[in-house]
Protein backbone atom coordinates (compact mmCIF):
# COMPACT_ATOMS: atom_id res chain seq x y z
CA UNK A 1 93.53 96.14 119.41
CA UNK A 2 95.34 98.30 116.12
CA UNK A 3 94.66 96.22 112.92
CA UNK A 4 95.88 99.23 110.51
CA UNK A 5 96.68 102.72 109.64
CA UNK A 6 94.88 104.73 107.80
CA UNK A 7 95.85 107.62 105.78
CA UNK A 8 92.92 110.49 105.53
CA UNK A 9 92.03 113.33 103.64
CA UNK A 10 95.50 113.91 102.01
CA UNK A 11 96.63 115.14 98.84
CA UNK A 12 96.39 111.62 96.56
CA UNK A 13 99.92 112.69 94.58
CA UNK A 14 101.12 112.24 97.99
CA UNK A 15 99.81 108.93 98.87
CA UNK A 16 102.54 106.85 97.67
CA UNK A 17 105.32 108.75 99.91
CA UNK A 18 102.84 108.88 102.70
CA UNK A 19 102.42 105.25 102.17
CA UNK A 20 106.31 104.59 102.07
CA UNK A 21 106.59 106.62 105.40
CA UNK A 22 104.56 103.96 107.16
CA UNK A 23 106.31 101.14 105.98
CA UNK A 24 109.36 102.54 107.08
CA UNK A 25 108.01 102.14 109.99
CA UNK A 26 107.97 98.81 110.13
CA UNK A 27 103.69 98.63 110.88
CA UNK A 28 103.58 95.85 107.67
CA UNK A 29 105.91 93.55 108.98
CA UNK A 30 104.21 93.85 112.47
CA UNK A 31 100.90 91.89 110.67
CA UNK A 32 99.43 96.00 110.49
CA UNK A 33 97.16 96.73 107.06
CA UNK A 34 97.77 100.14 105.05
CA UNK A 35 94.31 102.17 104.48
CA UNK A 36 94.54 105.35 102.05
CA UNK A 37 91.64 107.65 101.17
CA UNK A 38 92.18 110.98 99.70
CA UNK A 39 90.91 113.62 99.06
CA UNK A 40 90.04 115.14 95.32
CA UNK A 41 93.13 116.86 95.29
CA UNK A 42 91.79 120.52 95.40
CA UNK A 43 93.12 122.82 97.52
CA UNK A 44 90.48 124.71 100.10
CA UNK A 45 91.64 128.59 99.86
CA UNK A 46 89.53 131.29 101.66
CA UNK A 47 86.40 129.30 102.14
CA UNK A 48 86.77 127.91 98.87
CA UNK A 49 88.08 124.47 96.42
CA UNK A 50 90.60 125.87 94.33
CA UNK A 51 92.16 123.69 91.21
CA UNK A 52 91.33 120.74 89.58
CA UNK A 53 90.30 117.49 90.80
CA UNK A 54 92.57 114.70 90.46
CA UNK A 55 91.40 111.54 88.74
CA UNK A 56 92.16 109.08 91.84
CA UNK A 57 92.12 106.24 89.54
CA UNK A 58 95.53 107.05 88.11
CA UNK A 59 96.95 106.18 91.57
CA UNK A 60 94.96 102.63 92.96
CA UNK A 61 97.96 101.05 91.11
CA UNK A 62 100.68 102.42 92.42
CA UNK A 63 99.08 102.58 96.13
CA UNK A 64 98.19 99.07 96.59
CA UNK A 65 101.70 98.23 95.27
CA UNK A 66 103.05 100.70 98.25
CA UNK A 67 101.52 98.44 100.20
CA UNK A 68 97.62 99.94 100.68
CA UNK A 69 95.15 96.88 101.22
CA UNK A 70 92.34 99.25 101.00
CA UNK A 71 91.38 102.37 98.84
CA UNK A 72 88.40 104.94 99.18
CA UNK A 73 87.71 108.36 99.37
CA UNK A 74 87.67 111.30 101.62
CA UNK A 75 86.58 115.13 100.87
CA UNK A 76 84.66 115.81 97.54
CA UNK A 77 84.73 112.14 96.90
CA UNK A 78 82.08 111.21 94.91
CA UNK A 79 79.96 107.76 93.54
CA UNK A 80 81.66 108.64 90.23
CA UNK A 81 85.05 108.53 91.35
CA UNK A 82 84.46 105.43 94.08
CA UNK A 83 83.05 103.94 91.07
CA UNK A 84 85.89 104.28 88.89
CA UNK A 85 88.24 103.12 91.60
CA UNK A 86 86.05 100.07 92.56
CA UNK A 87 86.73 99.39 88.63
CA UNK A 88 90.39 99.65 88.84
CA UNK A 89 90.63 97.49 91.97
CA UNK A 90 88.14 95.25 90.25
CA UNK A 91 90.71 95.21 87.32
CA UNK A 92 93.95 94.33 89.82
CA UNK A 93 91.97 91.64 91.76
């Protein structure tokens, strides 16, 4: 039985538009949940990571408002970033 759909290891800047696409498919009206676990926002090019990490905490409210009920992290997201996400979630709740 499917309880939801997840967005995993994607660029955090694309999270809201990805959630919007899932909402357009009527998943939430079918009683399904949306989960998002983005990566750090860095690009993997020629065997190495380039660019700056994205501060995931700055997107948490927007992801929630778009429809996500679970927020976490994937590639190159460590305990410090997860603590920051948790703090924002605690503040929201």
